C-alpha atoms as a PDB file:
ATOM      1  CA  MET A   1     103.067 127.642  62.340  1.00  0.00           C
ATOM      2  CA  ASP A   2     102.250 130.774  64.296  1.00  0.00           C
ATOM      3  CA  LYS A   3     103.981 131.313  67.650  1.00  0.00           C
ATOM      4  CA  ASP A   4     100.570 131.691  69.317  1.00  0.00           C
ATOM      5  CA  ARG A   5      99.749 128.135  68.306  1.00  0.00           C
ATOM      6  CA  MET A   6     102.967 126.805  69.824  1.00  0.00           C
ATOM      7  CA  GLU A   7     102.537 128.797  73.026  1.00  0.00           C
ATOM      8  CA  GLY A   8      98.893 127.740  73.228  1.00  0.00           C
ATOM      9  CA  VAL A   9      99.819 124.079  73.059  1.00  0.00           C
ATOM     10  CA  GLY A  10     102.383 124.680  75.806  1.00  0.00           C
ATOM     11  CA  HIS A  11      99.785 126.336  78.030  1.00  0.00           C
ATOM     12  CA  GLN A  12      97.363 123.474  77.414  1.00  0.00           C
ATOM     13  CA  ALA A  13      99.973 120.920  78.455  1.00  0.00           C
ATOM     14  CA  LYS A  14     101.037 122.911  81.501  1.00  0.00           C
ATOM     15  CA  GLY A  15      97.397 123.373  82.487  1.00  0.00           C
ATOM     16  CA  ALA A  16      96.695 119.657  82.138  1.00  0.00           C
ATOM     17  CA  VAL A  17      99.621 118.808  84.417  1.00  0.00           C
ATOM     18  CA  LYS A  18      98.541 121.415  86.943  1.00  0.00           C
ATOM     19  CA  GLU A  19      94.942 120.197  86.851  1.00  0.00           C
ATOM     20  CA  THR A  20      96.010 116.573  87.365  1.00  0.00           C
ATOM     21  CA  ALA A  21      98.325 117.534  90.224  1.00  0.00           C
ATOM     22  CA  GLY A  22      95.532 119.506  91.851  1.00  0.00           C
ATOM     23  CA  LYS A  23      93.174 116.539  91.598  1.00  0.00           C
ATOM     24  CA  ALA A  24      95.791 114.164  93.006  1.00  0.00           C
ATOM     25  CA  MET A  25      96.551 116.441  95.952  1.00  0.00           C
ATOM     26  CA  GLY A  26      92.931 117.381  96.545  1.00  0.00           C
ATOM     27  CA  ASP A  27      93.843 121.036  95.929  1.00  0.00           C
ATOM     28  CA  ARG A  28      90.835 122.598  94.239  1.00  0.00           C
ATOM     29  CA  LYS A  29      92.601 125.912  93.667  1.00  0.00           C
ATOM     30  CA  THR A  30      95.454 124.297  91.725  1.00  0.00           C
ATOM     31  CA  GLU A  31      92.974 122.164  89.809  1.00  0.00           C
ATOM     32  CA  ALA A  32      90.948 125.252  88.851  1.00  0.00           C
ATOM     33  CA  GLU A  33      94.098 127.131  87.835  1.00  0.00           C
ATOM     34  CA  GLY A  34      95.033 124.203  85.598  1.00  0.00           C
ATOM     35  CA  LYS A  35      91.612 124.178  83.960  1.00  0.00           C
ATOM     36  CA  ALA A  36      91.821 127.932  83.371  1.00  0.00           C
ATOM     37  CA  GLU A  37      95.299 127.644  81.856  1.00  0.00           C
ATOM     38  CA  LYS A  38      94.146 124.844  79.563  1.00  0.00           C
ATOM     39  CA  ALA A  39      91.227 126.974  78.388  1.00  0.00           C
ATOM     40  CA  ALA A  40      93.497 129.972  77.789  1.00  0.00           C
ATOM     41  CA  GLY A  41      95.843 127.735  75.822  1.00  0.00           C
ATOM     42  CA  LYS A  42      92.988 126.526  73.626  1.00  0.00           C
ATOM     43  CA  VAL A  43      91.985 130.122  72.880  1.00  0.00           C
ATOM     44  CA  GLN A  44      95.579 131.121  72.120  1.00  0.00           C
ATOM     45  CA  ASN A  45      95.938 128.103  69.847  1.00  0.00           C
ATOM     46  CA  ALA A  46      92.743 129.072  68.000  1.00  0.00           C
ATOM     47  CA  VAL A  47      94.019 132.635  67.541  1.00  0.00           C
ATOM     48  CA  GLY A  48      97.230 131.266  66.078  1.00  0.00           C
ATOM     49  CA  GLY A  49      95.242 129.023  63.761  1.00  0.00           C
ATOM     50  CA  ALA A  50      93.229 131.983  62.533  1.00  0.00           C
ATOM     51  CA  LYS A  51      96.423 133.943  61.902  1.00  0.00           C
ATOM     52  CA  ASP A  52      97.830 131.007  59.922  1.00  0.00           C
ATOM     53  CA  ALA A  53      94.640 130.794  57.867  1.00  0.00           C
ATOM     54  CA  LEU A  54      94.725 134.522  57.108  1.00  0.00           C
ATOM     55  CA  ARG A  55      98.372 134.336  56.085  1.00  0.00           C
ATOM     56  CA  GLY A  56      97.617 131.380  53.850  1.00  0.00           C
ATOM     57  CA  ALA A  57      94.674 133.145  52.210  1.00  0.00           C
ATOM     58  CA  ALA A  58      96.731 136.316  51.675  1.00  0.00           C
ATOM     59  CA  LYS A  59      99.585 134.319  50.144  1.00  0.00           C
ATOM     60  CA  GLU A  60      97.175 132.429  47.911  1.00  0.00           C
ATOM     61  CA  SER A  61      95.590 135.638  46.651  1.00  0.00           C
ATOM     62  CA  GLN A  62      99.057 137.108  45.939  1.00  0.00           C
ATOM     63  CA  ASP A  63     100.005 134.022  43.946  1.00  0.00           C
ATOM     64  CA  ARG A  64      97.073 134.513  41.572  1.00  0.00           C
END
């Protein structure tokens, strides 16, 4: 698993906590920051997934 995928999942979790805390406290800024961090985490996770797929395809073509 690519490190971007792991970090992306971490950012998603941190963002979700921040978003929930912002909602609970009525703090729209914190809530928005949480949403943004979750979105960034999803993108980072997708980048890591693409890297994994490329590595897998390269390894498969080498094995042939």
